[in-house]
PDB file of N, CA and C in Angstrom:
ATOM      1  N   UNK A   1      12.362 -27.086   2.121  1.00  0.00           N
ATOM      2  CA  UNK A   1      12.819 -26.236   1.039  1.00  0.00           C
ATOM      3  C   UNK A   1      13.358 -27.084  -0.118  1.00  0.00           C
ATOM      4  N   UNK A   2      14.379 -27.899   0.147  1.00  0.00           N
ATOM      5  CA  UNK A   2      14.943 -28.761  -0.902  1.00  0.00           C
ATOM      6  C   UNK A   2      13.888 -29.768  -1.365  1.00  0.00           C
ATOM      7  N   UNK A   3      13.156 -30.324  -0.416  1.00  0.00           N
ATOM      8  CA  UNK A   3      12.099 -31.285  -0.749  1.00  0.00           C
ATOM      9  C   UNK A   3      11.106 -30.673  -1.729  1.00  0.00           C
ATOM     10  N   UNK A   4      10.690 -29.453  -1.487  1.00  0.00           N
ATOM     11  CA  UNK A   4       9.762 -28.760  -2.369  1.00  0.00           C
ATOM     12  C   UNK A   4      10.334 -28.540  -3.759  1.00  0.00           C
ATOM     13  N   UNK A   5      11.610 -28.197  -3.833  1.00  0.00           N
ATOM     14  CA  UNK A   5      12.269 -28.012  -5.133  1.00  0.00           C
ATOM     15  C   UNK A   5      12.284 -29.320  -5.913  1.00  0.00           C
ATOM     16  N   UNK A   6      12.598 -30.400  -5.217  1.00  0.00           N
ATOM     17  CA  UNK A   6      12.634 -31.708  -5.869  1.00  0.00           C
ATOM     18  C   UNK A   6      11.244 -32.056  -6.405  1.00  0.00           C
ATOM     19  N   UNK A   7      10.221 -31.895  -5.582  1.00  0.00           N
ATOM     20  CA  UNK A   7       8.852 -32.188  -6.009  1.00  0.00           C
ATOM     21  C   UNK A   7       8.465 -31.371  -7.236  1.00  0.00           C
ATOM     22  N   UNK A   8       8.722 -30.081  -7.190  1.00  0.00           N
ATOM     23  CA  UNK A   8       8.347 -29.202  -8.302  1.00  0.00           C
ATOM     24  C   UNK A   8       9.035 -29.616  -9.604  1.00  0.00           C
ATOM     25  N   UNK A   9      10.316 -29.879  -9.528  1.00  0.00           N
ATOM     26  CA  UNK A   9      11.060 -30.259 -10.736  1.00  0.00           C
ATOM     27  C   UNK A   9      10.569 -31.593 -11.300  1.00  0.00           C
ATOM     28  N   UNK A  10      10.308 -32.557 -10.421  1.00  0.00           N
ATOM     29  CA  UNK A  10       9.842 -33.866 -10.896  1.00  0.00           C
ATOM     30  C   UNK A  10       8.437 -33.770 -11.478  1.00  0.00           C
ATOM     31  N   UNK A  11       7.564 -32.967 -10.874  1.00  0.00           N
ATOM     32  CA  UNK A  11       6.209 -32.782 -11.425  1.00  0.00           C
ATOM     33  C   UNK A  11       6.268 -32.154 -12.812  1.00  0.00           C
ATOM     34  N   UNK A  12       7.098 -31.164 -12.967  1.00  0.00           N
ATOM     35  CA  UNK A  12       7.222 -30.482 -14.255  1.00  0.00           C
ATOM     36  C   UNK A  12       7.800 -31.404 -15.319  1.00  0.00           C
ATOM     37  N   UNK A  13       8.819 -32.151 -14.976  1.00  0.00           N
ATOM     38  CA  UNK A  13       9.525 -32.977 -15.957  1.00  0.00           C
ATOM     39  C   UNK A  13       8.782 -34.251 -16.334  1.00  0.00           C
ATOM     40  N   UNK A  14       8.076 -34.861 -15.381  1.00  0.00           N
ATOM     41  CA  UNK A  14       7.535 -36.200 -15.613  1.00  0.00           C
ATOM     42  C   UNK A  14       6.010 -36.307 -15.515  1.00  0.00           C
ATOM     43  N   UNK A  15       5.330 -35.244 -15.125  1.00  0.00           N
ATOM     44  CA  UNK A  15       3.869 -35.254 -15.013  1.00  0.00           C
ATOM     45  C   UNK A  15       3.372 -36.535 -14.343  1.00  0.00           C
ATOM     46  N   UNK A  16       3.831 -36.811 -13.119  1.00  0.00           N
ATOM     47  CA  UNK A  16       3.493 -38.080 -12.470  1.00  0.00           C
ATOM     48  C   UNK A  16       2.036 -38.153 -12.033  1.00  0.00           C
ATOM     49  N   UNK A  17       1.517 -39.379 -12.015  1.00  0.00           N
ATOM     50  CA  UNK A  17       0.186 -39.611 -11.456  1.00  0.00           C
ATOM     51  C   UNK A  17       0.299 -39.853  -9.950  1.00  0.00           C
ATOM     52  N   UNK A  18       1.494 -40.173  -9.489  1.00  0.00           N
ATOM     53  CA  UNK A  18       1.766 -40.340  -8.059  1.00  0.00           C
ATOM     54  C   UNK A  18       3.205 -39.914  -7.814  1.00  0.00           C
ATOM     55  N   UNK A  19       3.403 -39.104  -6.770  1.00  0.00           N
ATOM     56  CA  UNK A  19       4.749 -38.655  -6.419  1.00  0.00           C
ATOM     57  C   UNK A  19       4.841 -38.510  -4.912  1.00  0.00           C
ATOM     58  N   UNK A  20       5.852 -39.146  -4.350  1.00  0.00           N
ATOM     59  CA  UNK A  20       6.189 -38.974  -2.931  1.00  0.00           C
ATOM     60  C   UNK A  20       7.664 -38.630  -2.859  1.00  0.00           C
ATOM     61  N   UNK A  21       7.966 -37.559  -2.157  1.00  0.00           N
ATOM     62  CA  UNK A  21       9.354 -37.193  -1.890  1.00  0.00           C
ATOM     63  C   UNK A  21       9.478 -37.129  -0.378  1.00  0.00           C
ATOM     64  N   UNK A  22      10.159 -38.117   0.181  1.00  0.00           N
ATOM     65  CA  UNK A  22      10.298 -38.226   1.631  1.00  0.00           C
ATOM     66  C   UNK A  22      11.713 -37.844   2.056  1.00  0.00           C
ATOM     67  N   UNK A  23      11.792 -36.883   2.957  1.00  0.00           N
ATOM     68  CA  UNK A  23      13.080 -36.485   3.523  1.00  0.00           C
ATOM     69  C   UNK A  23      13.429 -37.492   4.613  1.00  0.00           C
ATOM     70  N   UNK A  24      14.433 -38.302   4.367  1.00  0.00           N
ATOM     71  CA  UNK A  24      14.855 -39.320   5.321  1.00  0.00           C
ATOM     72  C   UNK A  24      16.176 -38.954   5.996  1.00  0.00           C
ATOM     73  N   UNK A  25      16.505 -37.693   5.974  1.00  0.00           N
ATOM     74  CA  UNK A  25      17.774 -37.236   6.551  1.00  0.00           C
ATOM     75  C   UNK A  25      17.885 -37.579   8.031  1.00  0.00           C
ATOM     76  N   UNK A  26      16.746 -37.520   8.738  1.00  0.00           N
ATOM     77  CA  UNK A  26      16.738 -37.804  10.169  1.00  0.00           C
ATOM     78  C   UNK A  26      17.199 -39.223  10.476  1.00  0.00           C
ATOM     79  N   UNK A  27      17.159 -40.111   9.481  1.00  0.00           N
ATOM     80  CA  UNK A  27      17.566 -41.507   9.678  1.00  0.00           C
ATOM     81  C   UNK A  27      19.062 -41.700   9.482  1.00  0.00           C
ATOM     82  N   UNK A  28      19.772 -40.626   9.224  1.00  0.00           N
ATOM     83  CA  UNK A  28      21.187 -40.719   8.891  1.00  0.00           C
ATOM     84  C   UNK A  28      22.020 -39.888   9.865  1.00  0.00           C
ATOM     85  N   UNK A  29      23.292 -40.108   9.823  1.00  0.00           N
ATOM     86  CA  UNK A  29      24.228 -39.442  10.717  1.00  0.00           C
ATOM     87  C   UNK A  29      24.564 -38.055  10.164  1.00  0.00           C
ATOM     88  N   UNK A  30      23.583 -37.156  10.269  1.00  0.00           N
ATOM     89  CA  UNK A  30      23.742 -35.782   9.780  1.00  0.00           C
ATOM     90  C   UNK A  30      23.237 -34.824  10.853  1.00  0.00           C
ATOM     91  N   UNK A  31      23.668 -33.568  10.802  1.00  0.00           N
ATOM     92  CA  UNK A  31      23.167 -32.598  11.788  1.00  0.00           C
ATOM     93  C   UNK A  31      21.653 -32.434  11.691  1.00  0.00           C
ATOM     94  N   UNK A  32      21.027 -32.142  12.812  1.00  0.00           N
ATOM     95  CA  UNK A  32      19.578 -31.913  12.846  1.00  0.00           C
ATOM     96  C   UNK A  32      19.209 -30.823  11.856  1.00  0.00           C
ATOM     97  N   UNK A  33      18.108 -31.028  11.152  1.00  0.00           N
ATOM     98  CA  UNK A  33      17.628 -30.043  10.180  1.00  0.00           C
ATOM     99  C   UNK A  33      18.225 -30.190   8.796  1.00  0.00           C
ATOM    100  N   UNK A  34      19.128 -31.141   8.622  1.00  0.00           N
ATOM    101  CA  UNK A  34      19.730 -31.356   7.299  1.00  0.00           C
ATOM    102  C   UNK A  34      18.686 -31.863   6.323  1.00  0.00           C
ATOM    103  N   UNK A  35      18.806 -31.475   5.085  1.00  0.00           N
ATOM    104  CA  UNK A  35      17.990 -32.008   3.997  1.00  0.00           C
ATOM    105  C   UNK A  35      18.963 -32.616   2.993  1.00  0.00           C
ATOM    106  N   UNK A  36      19.353 -33.860   3.253  1.00  0.00           N
ATOM    107  CA  UNK A  36      20.419 -34.448   2.449  1.00  0.00           C
ATOM    108  C   UNK A  36      20.104 -35.834   1.904  1.00  0.00           C
ATOM    109  N   UNK A  37      19.132 -36.528   2.480  1.00  0.00           N
ATOM    110  CA  UNK A  37      18.793 -37.892   2.085  1.00  0.00           C
ATOM    111  C   UNK A  37      17.300 -37.966   1.761  1.00  0.00           C
ATOM    112  N   UNK A  38      16.977 -38.385   0.541  1.00  0.00           N
ATOM    113  CA  UNK A  38      15.583 -38.417   0.112  1.00  0.00           C
ATOM    114  C   UNK A  38      15.223 -39.760  -0.523  1.00  0.00           C
ATOM    115  N   UNK A  39      13.973 -40.128  -0.337  1.00  0.00           N
ATOM    116  CA  UNK A  39      13.395 -41.297  -1.004  1.00  0.00           C
ATOM    117  C   UNK A  39      12.294 -40.769  -1.918  1.00  0.00           C
ATOM    118  N   UNK A  40      12.363 -41.142  -3.197  1.00  0.00           N
ATOM    119  CA  UNK A  40      11.384 -40.687  -4.177  1.00  0.00           C
ATOM    120  C   UNK A  40      10.647 -41.893  -4.738  1.00  0.00           C
ATOM    121  N   UNK A  41       9.325 -41.820  -4.685  1.00  0.00           N
ATOM    122  CA  UNK A  41       8.465 -42.793  -5.360  1.00  0.00           C
ATOM    123  C   UNK A  41       7.730 -42.004  -6.417  1.00  0.00           C
ATOM    124  N   UNK A  42       7.950 -42.355  -7.671  1.00  0.00           N
ATOM    125  CA  UNK A  42       7.347 -41.604  -8.766  1.00  0.00           C
ATOM    126  C   UNK A  42       6.731 -42.573  -9.772  1.00  0.00           C
ATOM    127  N   UNK A  43       5.491 -42.272 -10.149  1.00  0.00           N
ATOM    128  CA  UNK A  43       4.743 -43.092 -11.098  1.00  0.00           C
ATOM    129  C   UNK A  43       4.370 -42.206 -12.273  1.00  0.00           C
ATOM    130  N   UNK A  44       4.901 -42.543 -13.439  1.00  0.00           N
ATOM    131  CA  UNK A  44       4.662 -41.724 -14.624  1.00  0.00           C
ATOM    132  C   UNK A  44       4.747 -42.581 -15.874  1.00  0.00           C
ATOM    133  N   UNK A  45       3.859 -42.314 -16.800  1.00  0.00           N
ATOM    134  CA  UNK A  45       3.945 -43.020 -18.069  1.00  0.00           C
ATOM    135  C   UNK A  45       5.099 -42.491 -18.926  1.00  0.00           C
ATOM    136  N   UNK A  46       5.796 -41.466 -18.453  1.00  0.00           N
ATOM    137  CA  UNK A  46       7.023 -41.023 -19.118  1.00  0.00           C
ATOM    138  C   UNK A  46       8.083 -42.122 -19.100  1.00  0.00           C
ATOM    139  N   UNK A  47       7.937 -43.074 -18.181  1.00  0.00           N
ATOM    140  CA  UNK A  47       8.912 -44.152 -18.036  1.00  0.00           C
ATOM    141  C   UNK A  47       8.603 -45.376 -18.898  1.00  0.00           C
ATOM    142  N   UNK A  48       7.520 -45.321 -19.643  1.00  0.00           N
ATOM    143  CA  UNK A  48       7.148 -46.459 -20.487  1.00  0.00           C
ATOM    144  C   UNK A  48       8.276 -46.789 -21.458  1.00  0.00           C
ATOM    145  N   UNK A  49       8.588 -48.066 -21.555  1.00  0.00           N
ATOM    146  CA  UNK A  49       9.647 -48.587 -22.435  1.00  0.00           C
ATOM    147  C   UNK A  49      11.042 -48.115 -22.051  1.00  0.00           C
ATOM    148  N   UNK A  50      11.226 -47.699 -20.806  1.00  0.00           N
ATOM    149  CA  UNK A  50      12.551 -47.321 -20.314  1.00  0.00           C
ATOM    150  C   UNK A  50      12.971 -48.297 -19.216  1.00  0.00           C
ATOM    151  N   UNK A  51      14.211 -48.714 -19.267  1.00  0.00           N
ATOM    152  CA  UNK A  51      14.760 -49.525 -18.183  1.00  0.00           C
ATOM    153  C   UNK A  51      15.005 -48.618 -16.981  1.00  0.00           C
ATOM    154  N   UNK A  52      15.163 -49.238 -15.818  1.00  0.00           N
ATOM    155  CA  UNK A  52      15.343 -48.451 -14.603  1.00  0.00           C
ATOM    156  C   UNK A  52      16.546 -47.518 -14.696  1.00  0.00           C
ATOM    157  N   UNK A  53      17.619 -47.954 -15.315  1.00  0.00           N
ATOM    158  CA  UNK A  53      18.805 -47.113 -15.437  1.00  0.00           C
ATOM    159  C   UNK A  53      18.495 -45.828 -16.195  1.00  0.00           C
ATOM    160  N   UNK A  54      17.740 -45.921 -17.260  1.00  0.00           N
ATOM    161  CA  UNK A  54      17.391 -44.730 -18.037  1.00  0.00           C
ATOM    162  C   UNK A  54      16.456 -43.815 -17.241  1.00  0.00           C
ATOM    163  N   UNK A  55      15.544 -44.395 -16.491  1.00  0.00           N
ATOM    164  CA  UNK A  55      14.647 -43.601 -15.644  1.00  0.00           C
ATOM    165  C   UNK A  55      15.461 -42.825 -14.614  1.00  0.00           C
ATOM    166  N   UNK A  56      16.398 -43.507 -13.983  1.00  0.00           N
ATOM    167  CA  UNK A  56      17.216 -42.874 -12.956  1.00  0.00           C
ATOM    168  C   UNK A  56      18.093 -41.782 -13.552  1.00  0.00           C
ATOM    169  N   UNK A  57      18.669 -42.044 -14.701  1.00  0.00           N
ATOM    170  CA  UNK A  57      19.494 -41.017 -15.361  1.00  0.00           C
ATOM    171  C   UNK A  57      18.665 -39.781 -15.689  1.00  0.00           C
ATOM    172  N   UNK A  58      17.442 -39.984 -16.131  1.00  0.00           N
ATOM    173  CA  UNK A  58      16.568 -38.852 -16.447  1.00  0.00           C
ATOM    174  C   UNK A  58      16.297 -38.022 -15.189  1.00  0.00           C
ATOM    175  N   UNK A  59      16.043 -38.687 -14.077  1.00  0.00           N
ATOM    176  CA  UNK A  59      15.796 -37.979 -12.817  1.00  0.00           C
ATOM    177  C   UNK A  59      17.053 -37.269 -12.347  1.00  0.00           C
ATOM    178  N   UNK A  60      18.207 -37.944 -12.433  1.00  0.00           N
ATOM    179  CA  UNK A  60      19.460 -37.306 -12.033  1.00  0.00           C
ATOM    180  C   UNK A  60      19.707 -36.055 -12.867  1.00  0.00           C
ATOM    181  N   UNK A  61      19.363 -36.096 -14.136  1.00  0.00           N
ATOM    182  CA  UNK A  61      19.537 -34.923 -14.993  1.00  0.00           C
ATOM    183  C   UNK A  61      18.663 -33.761 -14.549  1.00  0.00           C
ATOM    184  N   UNK A  62      17.421 -34.053 -14.211  1.00  0.00           N
ATOM    185  CA  UNK A  62      16.492 -33.021 -13.756  1.00  0.00           C
ATOM    186  C   UNK A  62      16.936 -32.430 -12.414  1.00  0.00           C
ATOM    187  N   UNK A  63      17.514 -33.261 -11.565  1.00  0.00           N
ATOM    188  CA  UNK A  63      17.911 -32.834 -10.218  1.00  0.00           C
ATOM    189  C   UNK A  63      19.412 -32.587 -10.093  1.00  0.00           C
ATOM    190  N   UNK A  64      20.073 -32.294 -11.192  1.00  0.00           N
ATOM    191  CA  UNK A  64      21.534 -32.116 -11.189  1.00  0.00           C
ATOM    192  C   UNK A  64      21.993 -31.059 -10.193  1.00  0.00           C
ATOM    193  N   UNK A  65      21.290 -29.939 -10.110  1.00  0.00           N
ATOM    194  CA  UNK A  65      21.701 -28.870  -9.184  1.00  0.00           C
ATOM    195  C   UNK A  65      21.606 -29.323  -7.733  1.00  0.00           C
ATOM    196  N   UNK A  66      20.525 -29.999  -7.395  1.00  0.00           N
ATOM    197  CA  UNK A  66      20.350 -30.476  -6.020  1.00  0.00           C
ATOM    198  C   UNK A  66      21.400 -31.528  -5.664  1.00  0.00           C
ATOM    199  N   UNK A  67      21.687 -32.421  -6.610  1.00  0.00           N
ATOM    200  CA  UNK A  67      22.679 -33.471  -6.357  1.00  0.00           C
ATOM    201  C   UNK A  67      24.099 -32.910  -6.281  1.00  0.00           C
ATOM    202  N   UNK A  68      24.343 -31.795  -6.955  1.00  0.00           N
ATOM    203  CA  UNK A  68      25.652 -31.150  -6.881  1.00  0.00           C
ATOM    204  C   UNK A  68      25.782 -30.320  -5.607  1.00  0.00           C
ATOM    205  N   UNK A  69      24.649 -30.090  -4.939  1.00  0.00           N
ATOM    206  CA  UNK A  69      24.643 -29.278  -3.725  1.00  0.00           C
ATOM    207  C   UNK A  69      24.490 -30.120  -2.484  1.00  0.00           C
ATOM    208  N   UNK A  70      23.402 -29.893  -1.767  1.00  0.00           N
ATOM    209  CA  UNK A  70      23.246 -30.485  -0.439  1.00  0.00           C
ATOM    210  C   UNK A  70      22.683 -31.904  -0.426  1.00  0.00           C
ATOM    211  N   UNK A  71      22.130 -32.372  -1.540  1.00  0.00           N
ATOM    212  CA  UNK A  71      21.544 -33.716  -1.550  1.00  0.00           C
ATOM    213  C   UNK A  71      22.657 -34.745  -1.683  1.00  0.00           C
ATOM    214  N   UNK A  72      22.753 -35.583  -0.669  1.00  0.00           N
ATOM    215  CA  UNK A  72      23.812 -36.593  -0.604  1.00  0.00           C
ATOM    216  C   UNK A  72      23.341 -37.948  -1.123  1.00  0.00           C
ATOM    217  N   UNK A  73      22.055 -38.260  -0.897  1.00  0.00           N
ATOM    218  CA  UNK A  73      21.541 -39.571  -1.283  1.00  0.00           C
ATOM    219  C   UNK A  73      20.111 -39.427  -1.797  1.00  0.00           C
ATOM    220  N   UNK A  74      19.820 -40.204  -2.846  1.00  0.00           N
ATOM    221  CA  UNK A  74      18.501 -40.170  -3.473  1.00  0.00           C
ATOM    222  C   UNK A  74      18.111 -41.605  -3.811  1.00  0.00           C
ATOM    223  N   UNK A  75      17.174 -42.159  -3.034  1.00  0.00           N
ATOM    224  CA  UNK A  75      16.665 -43.508  -3.294  1.00  0.00           C
ATOM    225  C   UNK A  75      15.497 -43.360  -4.257  1.00  0.00           C
ATOM    226  N   UNK A  76      15.594 -43.987  -5.421  1.00  0.00           N
ATOM    227  CA  UNK A  76      14.571 -43.840  -6.449  1.00  0.00           C
ATOM    228  C   UNK A  76      13.783 -45.121  -6.643  1.00  0.00           C
ATOM    229  N   UNK A  77      12.466 -44.973  -6.657  1.00  0.00           N
ATOM    230  CA  UNK A  77      11.538 -46.059  -6.957  1.00  0.00           C
ATOM    231  C   UNK A  77      10.654 -45.527  -8.085  1.00  0.00           C
ATOM    232  N   UNK A  78      10.926 -45.977  -9.298  1.00  0.00           N
ATOM    233  CA  UNK A  78      10.278 -45.426 -10.489  1.00  0.00           C
ATOM    234  C   UNK A  78       9.391 -46.482 -11.135  1.00  0.00           C
ATOM    235  N   UNK A  79       8.172 -46.080 -11.477  1.00  0.00           N
ATOM    236  CA  UNK A  79       7.200 -47.023 -12.031  1.00  0.00           C
ATOM    237  C   UNK A  79       6.370 -46.358 -13.120  1.00  0.00           C
ATOM    238  N   UNK A  80       5.931 -47.169 -14.067  1.00  0.00           N
ATOM    239  CA  UNK A  80       4.872 -46.737 -14.978  1.00  0.00           C
ATOM    240  C   UNK A  80       3.553 -46.964 -14.249  1.00  0.00           C
ATOM    241  N   UNK A  81       2.469 -46.430 -14.789  1.00  0.00           N
ATOM    242  CA  UNK A  81       1.166 -46.634 -14.161  1.00  0.00           C
ATOM    243  C   UNK A  81       0.839 -48.123 -14.098  1.00  0.00           C
ATOM    244  N   UNK A  82       1.134 -48.842 -15.167  1.00  0.00           N
ATOM    245  CA  UNK A  82       0.844 -50.281 -15.203  1.00  0.00           C
ATOM    246  C   UNK A  82       1.653 -51.036 -14.141  1.00  0.00           C
ATOM    247  N   UNK A  83       2.929 -50.691 -13.991  1.00  0.00           N
ATOM    248  CA  UNK A  83       3.780 -51.337 -12.987  1.00  0.00           C
ATOM    249  C   UNK A  83       3.293 -51.023 -11.561  1.00  0.00           C
ATOM    250  N   UNK A  84       2.775 -49.838 -11.380  1.00  0.00           N
ATOM    251  CA  UNK A  84       2.353 -49.366 -10.062  1.00  0.00           C
ATOM    252  C   UNK A  84       1.087 -50.056  -9.568  1.00  0.00           C
ATOM    253  N   UNK A  85       0.247 -50.499 -10.485  1.00  0.00           N
ATOM    254  CA  UNK A  85      -1.005 -51.145 -10.105  1.00  0.00           C
ATOM    255  C   UNK A  85      -0.714 -52.329  -9.186  1.00  0.00           C
ATOM    256  N   UNK A  86      -1.239 -52.281  -8.008  1.00  0.00           N
ATOM    257  CA  UNK A  86      -1.064 -53.361  -7.044  1.00  0.00           C
ATOM    258  C   UNK A  86       0.225 -53.309  -6.246  1.00  0.00           C
ATOM    259  N   UNK A  87       1.090 -52.337  -6.522  1.00  0.00           N
ATOM    260  CA  UNK A  87       2.373 -52.269  -5.810  1.00  0.00           C
ATOM    261  C   UNK A  87       2.395 -51.269  -4.666  1.00  0.00           C
ATOM    262  N   UNK A  88       1.387 -50.450  -4.519  1.00  0.00           N
ATOM    263  CA  UNK A  88       1.429 -49.345  -3.567  1.00  0.00           C
ATOM    264  C   UNK A  88       1.905 -49.764  -2.182  1.00  0.00           C
ATOM    265  N   UNK A  89       1.539 -50.933  -1.735  1.00  0.00           N
ATOM    266  CA  UNK A  89       1.911 -51.359  -0.389  1.00  0.00           C
ATOM    267  C   UNK A  89       3.202 -52.155  -0.338  1.00  0.00           C
ATOM    268  N   UNK A  90       3.870 -52.314  -1.475  1.00  0.00           N
ATOM    269  CA  UNK A  90       5.069 -53.136  -1.492  1.00  0.00           C
ATOM    270  C   UNK A  90       6.330 -52.375  -1.892  1.00  0.00           C
ATOM    271  N   UNK A  91       6.295 -51.058  -1.859  1.00  0.00           N
ATOM    272  CA  UNK A  91       7.503 -50.283  -2.144  1.00  0.00           C
ATOM    273  C   UNK A  91       8.504 -50.588  -1.034  1.00  0.00           C
ATOM    274  N   UNK A  92       9.734 -50.925  -1.403  1.00  0.00           N
ATOM    275  CA  UNK A  92      10.722 -51.293  -0.378  1.00  0.00           C
ATOM    276  C   UNK A  92      10.944 -50.186   0.645  1.00  0.00           C
ATOM    277  N   UNK A  93      11.055 -50.581   1.899  1.00  0.00           N
ATOM    278  CA  UNK A  93      11.381 -49.637   2.968  1.00  0.00           C
ATOM    279  C   UNK A  93      12.860 -49.290   2.865  1.00  0.00           C
ATOM    280  N   UNK A  94      13.195 -48.117   3.294  1.00  0.00           N
ATOM    281  CA  UNK A  94      14.598 -47.711   3.305  1.00  0.00           C
ATOM    282  C   UNK A  94      15.319 -48.438   4.420  1.00  0.00           C
ATOM    283  N   UNK A  95      16.563 -48.825   4.174  1.00  0.00           N
ATOM    284  CA  UNK A  95      17.318 -49.515   5.226  1.00  0.00           C
ATOM    285  C   UNK A  95      17.718 -48.546   6.328  1.00  0.00           C
ATOM    286  N   UNK A  96      17.962 -49.089   7.500  1.00  0.00           N
ATOM    287  CA  UNK A  96      18.470 -48.262   8.584  1.00  0.00           C
ATOM    288  C   UNK A  96      19.898 -47.878   8.277  1.00  0.00           C
ATOM    289  N   UNK A  97      20.270 -46.706   8.704  1.00  0.00           N
ATOM    290  CA  UNK A  97      21.622 -46.206   8.477  1.00  0.00           C
ATOM    291  C   UNK A  97      22.438 -46.412   9.750  1.00  0.00           C
ATOM    292  N   UNK A  98      23.638 -46.927   9.581  1.00  0.00           N
ATOM    293  CA  UNK A  98      24.512 -47.070  10.749  1.00  0.00           C
ATOM    294  C   UNK A  98      24.889 -45.685  11.253  1.00  0.00           C
ATOM    295  N   UNK A  99      24.776 -45.493  12.526  1.00  0.00           N
ATOM    296  CA  UNK A  99      25.129 -44.202  13.122  1.00  0.00           C
ATOM    297  C   UNK A  99      24.004 -43.191  13.094  1.00  0.00           C
ATOM    298  N   UNK A 100      22.844 -43.572  12.650  1.00  0.00           N
ATOM    299  CA  UNK A 100      21.714 -42.639  12.582  1.00  0.00           C
ATOM    300  C   UNK A 100      21.410 -42.107  13.965  1.00  0.00           C
ATOM    301  N   UNK A 101      21.170 -40.823  14.009  1.00  0.00           N
ATOM    302  CA  UNK A 101      20.755 -40.212  15.256  1.00  0.00           C
ATOM    303  C   UNK A 101      21.882 -39.931  16.234  1.00  0.00           C
ATOM    304  N   UNK A 102      23.142 -40.116  15.827  1.00  0.00           N
ATOM    305  CA  UNK A 102      24.235 -39.885  16.772  1.00  0.00           C
ATOM    306  C   UNK A 102      24.666 -38.426  16.790  1.00  0.00           C
ATOM    307  N   UNK A 103      24.284 -37.662  15.786  1.00  0.00           N
ATOM    308  CA  UNK A 103      24.570 -36.230  15.781  1.00  0.00           C
ATOM    309  C   UNK A 103      23.313 -35.483  16.173  1.00  0.00           C
ATOM    310  N   UNK A 104      23.453 -34.402  16.844  1.00  0.00           N
ATOM    311  CA  UNK A 104      22.274 -33.594  17.211  1.00  0.00           C
ATOM    312  C   UNK A 104      22.403 -32.203  16.673  1.00  0.00           C
TER     313      UNK A 104
END
């Protein structure tokens, strides 16, 4: 549900050529079924001539309601089409969370 909202808002705002929204809540110390931790990989020419901080601020603005609600963490990997060329297999993996899986 939350994942779908995030995808829809990012598609509308940034018209990405590539978008992945991965729910990584299961890797964290949260109750089963939580939708609170997400990893976003987004490739859009909307980011051309923007530093990463500005890209992230733009995304935070679009997702303000979700971040004010149940979304606790949002790992962002933002690229222009040119930056993305050749990087598909090198997007950083998310780190393991201490205490992951201790709640059921």
